[in-house]
Amino acid sequence: MAKLGEYREIVAEIVVGRDSMGRPKRQVRPIPGQGLDTSLNIESARRLREMNPIGTRFLIRVKLTDLEGTPFLYSHPAWPVEILPKN
């Protein structure tokens, strides 16, 4: 498991999750096999989620944080991401 505040590069994917009211919402989450809980949301640039289709995978630099007690992954919105080719 990643340590709090330690940045690392991971592969993430745009998925359909749910907001606090249960409505569908585009979210970014880590893919399996990287030592991270795949239900962790990644806070990242909104344009990344909005400009790419569901299922898009990319390399992104993140750190684990737990602001207000809820763990999530954070990536600065200005940092570049590398879109990965579809398999």
PDB file of N, CA and C in Angstrom:
ATOM      1  N   MET A   1       0.849  -1.180   0.000  1.00  0.00           N
ATOM      2  CA  MET A   1       0.000   0.000   0.000  1.00  0.00           C
ATOM      3  C   MET A   1       0.894   1.243   0.000  1.00  0.00           C
ATOM      4  N   ALA A   2       0.468   2.262  -0.710  1.00  0.00           N
ATOM      5  CA  ALA A   2       1.222   3.514  -0.752  1.00  0.00           C
ATOM      6  C   ALA A   2       1.185   4.196   0.601  1.00  0.00           C
ATOM      7  N   LYS A   3       2.240   4.936   0.885  1.00  0.00           N
ATOM      8  CA  LYS A   3       2.303   5.706   2.130  1.00  0.00           C
ATOM      9  C   LYS A   3       1.698   7.081   1.887  1.00  0.00           C
ATOM     10  N   LEU A   4       1.117   7.653   2.943  1.00  0.00           N
ATOM     11  CA  LEU A   4       0.553   8.995   2.846  1.00  0.00           C
ATOM     12  C   LEU A   4       1.623   9.984   2.395  1.00  0.00           C
ATOM     13  N   GLY A   5       1.264  10.831   1.431  1.00  0.00           N
ATOM     14  CA  GLY A   5       2.152  11.902   1.001  1.00  0.00           C
ATOM     15  C   GLY A   5       3.278  11.499   0.076  1.00  0.00           C
ATOM     16  N   GLU A   6       3.383  10.248  -0.298  1.00  0.00           N
ATOM     17  CA  GLU A   6       4.454   9.757  -1.163  1.00  0.00           C
ATOM     18  C   GLU A   6       3.938   9.689  -2.602  1.00  0.00           C
ATOM     19  N   TYR A   7       4.532  10.490  -3.509  1.00  0.00           N
ATOM     20  CA  TYR A   7       4.082  10.487  -4.907  1.00  0.00           C
ATOM     21  C   TYR A   7       4.637   9.277  -5.645  1.00  0.00           C
ATOM     22  N   ARG A   8       3.816   8.753  -6.555  1.00  0.00           N
ATOM     23  CA  ARG A   8       4.252   7.660  -7.435  1.00  0.00           C
ATOM     24  C   ARG A   8       3.432   7.697  -8.710  1.00  0.00           C
ATOM     25  N   GLU A   9       3.974   7.108  -9.760  1.00  0.00           N
ATOM     26  CA  GLU A   9       3.274   7.047 -11.041  1.00  0.00           C
ATOM     27  C   GLU A   9       2.511   5.729 -11.122  1.00  0.00           C
ATOM     28  N   ILE A  10       1.240   5.825 -11.518  1.00  0.00           N
ATOM     29  CA  ILE A  10       0.400   4.635 -11.632  1.00  0.00           C
ATOM     30  C   ILE A  10      -0.382   4.677 -12.944  1.00  0.00           C
ATOM     31  N   VAL A  11      -1.016   3.551 -13.272  1.00  0.00           N
ATOM     32  CA  VAL A  11      -1.951   3.506 -14.392  1.00  0.00           C
ATOM     33  C   VAL A  11      -3.348   3.655 -13.800  1.00  0.00           C
ATOM     34  N   ALA A  12      -4.101   4.593 -14.354  1.00  0.00           N
ATOM     35  CA  ALA A  12      -5.460   4.849 -13.895  1.00  0.00           C
ATOM     36  C   ALA A  12      -6.421   4.719 -15.073  1.00  0.00           C
ATOM     37  N   GLU A  13      -7.707   4.645 -14.764  1.00  0.00           N
ATOM     38  CA  GLU A  13      -8.730   4.454 -15.783  1.00  0.00           C
ATOM     39  C   GLU A  13      -9.951   5.314 -15.458  1.00  0.00           C
ATOM     40  N   ILE A  14     -10.594   5.828 -16.492  1.00  0.00           N
ATOM     41  CA  ILE A  14     -11.846   6.556 -16.311  1.00  0.00           C
ATOM     42  C   ILE A  14     -12.966   5.527 -16.244  1.00  0.00           C
ATOM     43  N   VAL A  15     -13.757   5.590 -15.179  1.00  0.00           N
ATOM     44  CA  VAL A  15     -14.854   4.640 -14.960  1.00  0.00           C
ATOM     45  C   VAL A  15     -16.127   5.409 -14.630  1.00  0.00           C
ATOM     46  N   VAL A  16     -17.257   4.695 -14.654  1.00  0.00           N
ATOM     47  CA  VAL A  16     -18.512   5.275 -14.193  1.00  0.00           C
ATOM     48  C   VAL A  16     -18.692   4.857 -12.742  1.00  0.00           C
ATOM     49  N   GLY A  17     -18.654   5.824 -11.859  1.00  0.00           N
ATOM     50  CA  GLY A  17     -18.897   5.588 -10.442  1.00  0.00           C
ATOM     51  C   GLY A  17     -20.214   6.219 -10.053  1.00  0.00           C
ATOM     52  N   ARG A  18     -20.358   6.505  -8.786  1.00  0.00           N
ATOM     53  CA  ARG A  18     -21.583   7.137  -8.268  1.00  0.00           C
ATOM     54  C   ARG A  18     -21.211   8.309  -7.380  1.00  0.00           C
ATOM     55  N   ASP A  19     -22.012   9.380  -7.461  1.00  0.00           N
ATOM     56  CA  ASP A  19     -21.795  10.500  -6.546  1.00  0.00           C
ATOM     57  C   ASP A  19     -22.479  10.201  -5.223  1.00  0.00           C
ATOM     58  N   SER A  20     -22.448  11.145  -4.298  1.00  0.00           N
ATOM     59  CA  SER A  20     -23.013  10.910  -2.965  1.00  0.00           C
ATOM     60  C   SER A  20     -24.525  10.690  -2.980  1.00  0.00           C
ATOM     61  N   MET A  21     -25.191  11.073  -4.066  1.00  0.00           N
ATOM     62  CA  MET A  21     -26.641  10.866  -4.203  1.00  0.00           C
ATOM     63  C   MET A  21     -26.961   9.593  -4.993  1.00  0.00           C
ATOM     64  N   GLY A  22     -25.919   8.855  -5.403  1.00  0.00           N
ATOM     65  CA  GLY A  22     -26.125   7.616  -6.148  1.00  0.00           C
ATOM     66  C   GLY A  22     -26.260   7.798  -7.648  1.00  0.00           C
ATOM     67  N   ARG A  23     -26.063   9.011  -8.135  1.00  0.00           N
ATOM     68  CA  ARG A  23     -26.157   9.267  -9.579  1.00  0.00           C
ATOM     69  C   ARG A  23     -24.847   8.893 -10.266  1.00  0.00           C
ATOM     70  N   PRO A  24     -24.913   8.436 -11.535  1.00  0.00           N
ATOM     71  CA  PRO A  24     -23.684   8.101 -12.268  1.00  0.00           C
ATOM     72  C   PRO A  24     -22.783   9.325 -12.399  1.00  0.00           C
ATOM     73  N   LYS A  25     -21.480   9.072 -12.277  1.00  0.00           N
ATOM     74  CA  LYS A  25     -20.492  10.150 -12.353  1.00  0.00           C
ATOM     75  C   LYS A  25     -19.182   9.572 -12.878  1.00  0.00           C
ATOM     76  N   ARG A  26     -18.541  10.281 -13.810  1.00  0.00           N
ATOM     77  CA  ARG A  26     -17.219   9.858 -14.298  1.00  0.00           C
ATOM     78  C   ARG A  26     -16.203  10.041 -13.190  1.00  0.00           C
ATOM     79  N   GLN A  27     -15.420   8.991 -12.947  1.00  0.00           N
ATOM     80  CA  GLN A  27     -14.381   9.042 -11.929  1.00  0.00           C
ATOM     81  C   GLN A  27     -13.107   8.420 -12.467  1.00  0.00           C
ATOM     82  N   VAL A  28     -11.997   8.743 -11.822  1.00  0.00           N
ATOM     83  CA  VAL A  28     -10.707   8.169 -12.188  1.00  0.00           C
ATOM     84  C   VAL A  28     -10.259   7.305 -11.020  1.00  0.00           C
ATOM     85  N   ARG A  29      -9.883   6.064 -11.331  1.00  0.00           N
ATOM     86  CA  ARG A  29      -9.459   5.122 -10.287  1.00  0.00           C
ATOM     87  C   ARG A  29      -8.259   4.318 -10.771  1.00  0.00           C
ATOM     88  N   PRO A  30      -7.442   3.818  -9.828  1.00  0.00           N
ATOM     89  CA  PRO A  30      -6.302   2.979 -10.223  1.00  0.00           C
ATOM     90  C   PRO A  30      -6.788   1.631 -10.752  1.00  0.00           C
ATOM     91  N   ILE A  31      -6.048   1.071 -11.703  1.00  0.00           N
ATOM     92  CA  ILE A  31      -6.390  -0.271 -12.179  1.00  0.00           C
ATOM     93  C   ILE A  31      -5.806  -1.292 -11.195  1.00  0.00           C
ATOM     94  N   PRO A  32      -6.299  -2.525 -11.219  1.00  0.00           N
ATOM     95  CA  PRO A  32      -5.799  -3.560 -10.296  1.00  0.00           C
ATOM     96  C   PRO A  32      -4.319  -3.887 -10.523  1.00  0.00           C
ATOM     97  N   GLY A  33      -3.705  -4.457  -9.475  1.00  0.00           N
ATOM     98  CA  GLY A  33      -2.343  -4.973  -9.569  1.00  0.00           C
ATOM     99  C   GLY A  33      -1.249  -3.970  -9.267  1.00  0.00           C
ATOM    100  N   GLN A  34      -1.583  -2.850  -8.639  1.00  0.00           N
ATOM    101  CA  GLN A  34      -0.572  -1.826  -8.361  1.00  0.00           C
ATOM    102  C   GLN A  34      -0.388  -1.578  -6.863  1.00  0.00           C
ATOM    103  N   GLY A  35      -1.014  -2.425  -6.040  1.00  0.00           N
ATOM    104  CA  GLY A  35      -0.897  -2.266  -4.605  1.00  0.00           C
ATOM    105  C   GLY A  35      -1.771  -1.160  -4.038  1.00  0.00           C
ATOM    106  N   LEU A  36      -2.765  -0.744  -4.805  1.00  0.00           N
ATOM    107  CA  LEU A  36      -3.694   0.297  -4.366  1.00  0.00           C
ATOM    108  C   LEU A  36      -5.114  -0.243  -4.407  1.00  0.00           C
ATOM    109  N   ASP A  37      -5.944   0.239  -3.512  1.00  0.00           N
ATOM    110  CA  ASP A  37      -7.356  -0.119  -3.514  1.00  0.00           C
ATOM    111  C   ASP A  37      -7.992   0.476  -4.766  1.00  0.00           C
ATOM    112  N   THR A  38      -8.587  -0.349  -5.603  1.00  0.00           N
ATOM    113  CA  THR A  38      -9.153   0.119  -6.863  1.00  0.00           C
ATOM    114  C   THR A  38     -10.452   0.911  -6.676  1.00  0.00           C
ATOM    115  N   SER A  39     -10.936   0.997  -5.443  1.00  0.00           N
ATOM    116  CA  SER A  39     -12.120   1.833  -5.199  1.00  0.00           C
ATOM    117  C   SER A  39     -11.741   3.257  -4.797  1.00  0.00           C
ATOM    118  N   LEU A  40     -10.428   3.526  -4.646  1.00  0.00           N
ATOM    119  CA  LEU A  40      -9.986   4.883  -4.315  1.00  0.00           C
ATOM    120  C   LEU A  40     -10.198   5.813  -5.507  1.00  0.00           C
ATOM    121  N   ASN A  41     -10.842   6.930  -5.280  1.00  0.00           N
ATOM    122  CA  ASN A  41     -10.977   7.936  -6.323  1.00  0.00           C
ATOM    123  C   ASN A  41      -9.689   8.718  -6.444  1.00  0.00           C
ATOM    124  N   ILE A  42      -9.414   9.185  -7.655  1.00  0.00           N
ATOM    125  CA  ILE A  42      -8.264  10.037  -7.903  1.00  0.00           C
ATOM    126  C   ILE A  42      -8.782  11.433  -8.215  1.00  0.00           C
ATOM    127  N   GLU A  43      -8.413  12.386  -7.378  1.00  0.00           N
ATOM    128  CA  GLU A  43      -8.762  13.779  -7.639  1.00  0.00           C
ATOM    129  C   GLU A  43      -7.765  14.292  -8.653  1.00  0.00           C
ATOM    130  N   SER A  44      -8.284  14.683  -9.822  1.00  0.00           N
ATOM    131  CA  SER A  44      -7.419  15.110 -10.917  1.00  0.00           C
ATOM    132  C   SER A  44      -8.141  16.187 -11.722  1.00  0.00           C
ATOM    133  N   ALA A  45      -7.544  16.588 -12.822  1.00  0.00           N
ATOM    134  CA  ALA A  45      -8.131  17.620 -13.668  1.00  0.00           C
ATOM    135  C   ALA A  45      -9.481  17.162 -14.222  1.00  0.00           C
ATOM    136  N   ARG A  46     -10.487  17.996 -14.080  1.00  0.00           N
ATOM    137  CA  ARG A  46     -11.835  17.684 -14.582  1.00  0.00           C
ATOM    138  C   ARG A  46     -11.806  17.441 -16.087  1.00  0.00           C
ATOM    139  N   ARG A  47     -10.989  18.220 -16.804  1.00  0.00           N
ATOM    140  CA  ARG A  47     -10.947  18.071 -18.264  1.00  0.00           C
ATOM    141  C   ARG A  47     -10.491  16.671 -18.674  1.00  0.00           C
ATOM    142  N   LEU A  48      -9.656  16.036 -17.858  1.00  0.00           N
ATOM    143  CA  LEU A  48      -9.200  14.682 -18.141  1.00  0.00           C
ATOM    144  C   LEU A  48     -10.393  13.724 -18.196  1.00  0.00           C
ATOM    145  N   ARG A  49     -11.297  13.848 -17.219  1.00  0.00           N
ATOM    146  CA  ARG A  49     -12.486  12.993 -17.165  1.00  0.00           C
ATOM    147  C   ARG A  49     -13.484  13.337 -18.261  1.00  0.00           C
ATOM    148  N   GLU A  50     -13.620  14.609 -18.566  1.00  0.00           N
ATOM    149  CA  GLU A  50     -14.642  15.054 -19.508  1.00  0.00           C
ATOM    150  C   GLU A  50     -14.244  14.902 -20.968  1.00  0.00           C
ATOM    151  N   MET A  51     -12.949  14.974 -21.271  1.00  0.00           N
ATOM    152  CA  MET A  51     -12.503  14.964 -22.666  1.00  0.00           C
ATOM    153  C   MET A  51     -12.112  13.587 -23.185  1.00  0.00           C
ATOM    154  N   ASN A  52     -12.178  12.572 -22.325  1.00  0.00           N
ATOM    155  CA  ASN A  52     -11.794  11.221 -22.736  1.00  0.00           C
ATOM    156  C   ASN A  52     -12.931  10.253 -22.447  1.00  0.00           C
ATOM    157  N   PRO A  53     -13.070   9.213 -23.267  1.00  0.00           N
ATOM    158  CA  PRO A  53     -14.167   8.256 -23.059  1.00  0.00           C
ATOM    159  C   PRO A  53     -13.939   7.347 -21.848  1.00  0.00           C
ATOM    160  N   ILE A  54     -15.029   6.788 -21.358  1.00  0.00           N
ATOM    161  CA  ILE A  54     -14.973   5.785 -20.294  1.00  0.00           C
ATOM    162  C   ILE A  54     -14.046   4.667 -20.769  1.00  0.00           C
ATOM    163  N   GLY A  55     -13.195   4.180 -19.871  1.00  0.00           N
ATOM    164  CA  GLY A  55     -12.262   3.109 -20.218  1.00  0.00           C
ATOM    165  C   GLY A  55     -10.884   3.598 -20.623  1.00  0.00           C
ATOM    166  N   THR A  56     -10.729   4.909 -20.833  1.00  0.00           N
ATOM    167  CA  THR A  56      -9.416   5.449 -21.181  1.00  0.00           C
ATOM    168  C   THR A  56      -8.445   5.211 -20.029  1.00  0.00           C
ATOM    169  N   ARG A  57      -7.271   4.706 -20.356  1.00  0.00           N
ATOM    170  CA  ARG A  57      -6.221   4.471 -19.356  1.00  0.00           C
ATOM    171  C   ARG A  57      -5.068   5.420 -19.615  1.00  0.00           C
ATOM    172  N   PHE A  58      -4.391   5.800 -18.537  1.00  0.00           N
ATOM    173  CA  PHE A  58      -3.301   6.742 -18.656  1.00  0.00           C
ATOM    174  C   PHE A  58      -2.367   6.619 -17.464  1.00  0.00           C
ATOM    175  N   LEU A  59      -1.135   7.098 -17.649  1.00  0.00           N
ATOM    176  CA  LEU A  59      -0.167   7.199 -16.556  1.00  0.00           C
ATOM    177  C   LEU A  59      -0.396   8.526 -15.861  1.00  0.00           C
ATOM    178  N   ILE A  60      -0.429   8.495 -14.542  1.00  0.00           N
ATOM    179  CA  ILE A  60      -0.676   9.696 -13.768  1.00  0.00           C
ATOM    180  C   ILE A  60       0.134   9.630 -12.476  1.00  0.00           C
ATOM    181  N   ARG A  61       0.611  10.759 -12.032  1.00  0.00           N
ATOM    182  CA  ARG A  61       1.386  10.840 -10.782  1.00  0.00           C
ATOM    183  C   ARG A  61       0.441  11.211  -9.654  1.00  0.00           C
ATOM    184  N   VAL A  62       0.418  10.385  -8.605  1.00  0.00           N
ATOM    185  CA  VAL A  62      -0.530  10.567  -7.499  1.00  0.00           C
ATOM    186  C   VAL A  62       0.154  10.392  -6.147  1.00  0.00           C
ATOM    187  N   LYS A  63      -0.538  10.875  -5.119  1.00  0.00           N
ATOM    188  CA  LYS A  63      -0.134  10.569  -3.751  1.00  0.00           C
ATOM    189  C   LYS A  63      -1.393  10.245  -2.962  1.00  0.00           C
ATOM    190  N   LEU A  64      -1.248   9.369  -1.979  1.00  0.00           N
ATOM    191  CA  LEU A  64      -2.350   9.007  -1.104  1.00  0.00           C
ATOM    192  C   LEU A  64      -2.506  10.089  -0.049  1.00  0.00           C
ATOM    193  N   THR A  65      -3.731  10.529   0.148  1.00  0.00           N
ATOM    194  CA  THR A  65      -4.011  11.526   1.175  1.00  0.00           C
ATOM    195  C   THR A  65      -5.311  11.141   1.870  1.00  0.00           C
ATOM    196  N   ASP A  66      -5.582  11.762   2.991  1.00  0.00           N
ATOM    197  CA  ASP A  66      -6.807  11.419   3.728  1.00  0.00           C
ATOM    198  C   ASP A  66      -7.456  12.654   4.329  1.00  0.00           C
ATOM    199  N   LEU A  67      -7.555  13.682   3.531  1.00  0.00           N
ATOM    200  CA  LEU A  67      -8.202  14.907   3.973  1.00  0.00           C
ATOM    201  C   LEU A  67      -9.544  14.593   4.611  1.00  0.00           C
ATOM    202  N   GLU A  68      -9.790  15.115   5.772  1.00  0.00           N
ATOM    203  CA  GLU A  68     -11.053  14.926   6.491  1.00  0.00           C
ATOM    204  C   GLU A  68     -11.377  13.454   6.731  1.00  0.00           C
ATOM    205  N   GLY A  69     -10.355  12.602   6.789  1.00  0.00           N
ATOM    206  CA  GLY A  69     -10.550  11.213   7.161  1.00  0.00           C
ATOM    207  C   GLY A  69     -10.944  10.252   6.053  1.00  0.00           C
ATOM    208  N   THR A  70     -11.204  10.743   4.843  1.00  0.00           N
ATOM    209  CA  THR A  70     -11.572   9.867   3.728  1.00  0.00           C
ATOM    210  C   THR A  70     -10.376   9.721   2.794  1.00  0.00           C
ATOM    211  N   PRO A  71      -9.789   8.520   2.690  1.00  0.00           N
ATOM    212  CA  PRO A  71      -8.622   8.369   1.819  1.00  0.00           C
ATOM    213  C   PRO A  71      -8.983   8.511   0.333  1.00  0.00           C
ATOM    214  N   PHE A  72      -8.094   9.149  -0.404  1.00  0.00           N
ATOM    215  CA  PHE A  72      -8.215   9.261  -1.848  1.00  0.00           C
ATOM    216  C   PHE A  72      -6.834   9.533  -2.412  1.00  0.00           C
ATOM    217  N   LEU A  73      -6.703   9.455  -3.725  1.00  0.00           N
ATOM    218  CA  LEU A  73      -5.449   9.747  -4.398  1.00  0.00           C
ATOM    219  C   LEU A  73      -5.545  11.132  -5.027  1.00  0.00           C
ATOM    220  N   TYR A  74      -4.457  11.886  -4.950  1.00  0.00           N
ATOM    221  CA  TYR A  74      -4.451  13.249  -5.472  1.00  0.00           C
ATOM    222  C   TYR A  74      -3.378  13.395  -6.542  1.00  0.00           C
ATOM    223  N   SER A  75      -3.749  14.082  -7.629  1.00  0.00           N
ATOM    224  CA  SER A  75      -2.806  14.455  -8.672  1.00  0.00           C
ATOM    225  C   SER A  75      -3.049  15.920  -9.004  1.00  0.00           C
ATOM    226  N   HIS A  76      -1.995  16.707  -9.059  1.00  0.00           N
ATOM    227  CA  HIS A  76      -2.167  18.129  -9.358  1.00  0.00           C
ATOM    228  C   HIS A  76      -2.757  18.274 -10.762  1.00  0.00           C
ATOM    229  N   PRO A  77      -3.792  19.101 -10.931  1.00  0.00           N
ATOM    230  CA  PRO A  77      -4.458  19.232 -12.231  1.00  0.00           C
ATOM    231  C   PRO A  77      -3.564  19.734 -13.362  1.00  0.00           C
ATOM    232  N   ALA A  78      -2.486  20.438 -13.036  1.00  0.00           N
ATOM    233  CA  ALA A  78      -1.609  20.970 -14.087  1.00  0.00           C
ATOM    234  C   ALA A  78      -0.561  19.964 -14.557  1.00  0.00           C
ATOM    235  N   TRP A  79      -0.404  18.865 -13.821  1.00  0.00           N
ATOM    236  CA  TRP A  79       0.598  17.888 -14.215  1.00  0.00           C
ATOM    237  C   TRP A  79       0.170  17.145 -15.481  1.00  0.00           C
ATOM    238  N   PRO A  80       1.138  16.829 -16.334  1.00  0.00           N
ATOM    239  CA  PRO A  80       0.803  16.093 -17.559  1.00  0.00           C
ATOM    240  C   PRO A  80       0.465  14.634 -17.256  1.00  0.00           C
ATOM    241  N   VAL A  81      -0.372  14.072 -18.106  1.00  0.00           N
ATOM    242  CA  VAL A  81      -0.663  12.647 -18.053  1.00  0.00           C
ATOM    243  C   VAL A  81      -0.379  12.058 -19.430  1.00  0.00           C
ATOM    244  N   GLU A  82      -0.074  10.782 -19.446  1.00  0.00           N
ATOM    245  CA  GLU A  82       0.199  10.099 -20.718  1.00  0.00           C
ATOM    246  C   GLU A  82      -0.940   9.137 -21.003  1.00  0.00           C
ATOM    247  N   ILE A  83      -1.714   9.430 -22.044  1.00  0.00           N
ATOM    248  CA  ILE A  83      -2.800   8.532 -22.448  1.00  0.00           C
ATOM    249  C   ILE A  83      -2.166   7.269 -23.031  1.00  0.00           C
ATOM    250  N   LEU A  84      -2.630   6.109 -22.582  1.00  0.00           N
ATOM    251  CA  LEU A  84      -2.081   4.836 -23.044  1.00  0.00           C
ATOM    252  C   LEU A  84      -2.904   4.310 -24.213  1.00  0.00           C
ATOM    253  N   PRO A  85      -2.257   3.614 -25.146  1.00  0.00           N
ATOM    254  CA  PRO A  85      -2.999   3.047 -26.275  1.00  0.00           C
ATOM    255  C   PRO A  85      -3.942   1.957 -25.808  1.00  0.00           C
ATOM    256  N   LYS A  86      -5.052   1.797 -26.534  1.00  0.00           N
ATOM    257  CA  LYS A  86      -6.009   0.731 -26.204  1.00  0.00           C
ATOM    258  C   LYS A  86      -5.416  -0.614 -26.594  1.00  0.00           C
ATOM    259  N   ASN A  87      -5.703  -1.619 -25.784  1.00  0.00           N
ATOM    260  CA  ASN A  87      -5.183  -2.975 -26.054  1.00  0.00           C
ATOM    261  C   ASN A  87      -5.986  -3.657 -27.107  1.00  0.00           C
TER     262      ASN A  87
END
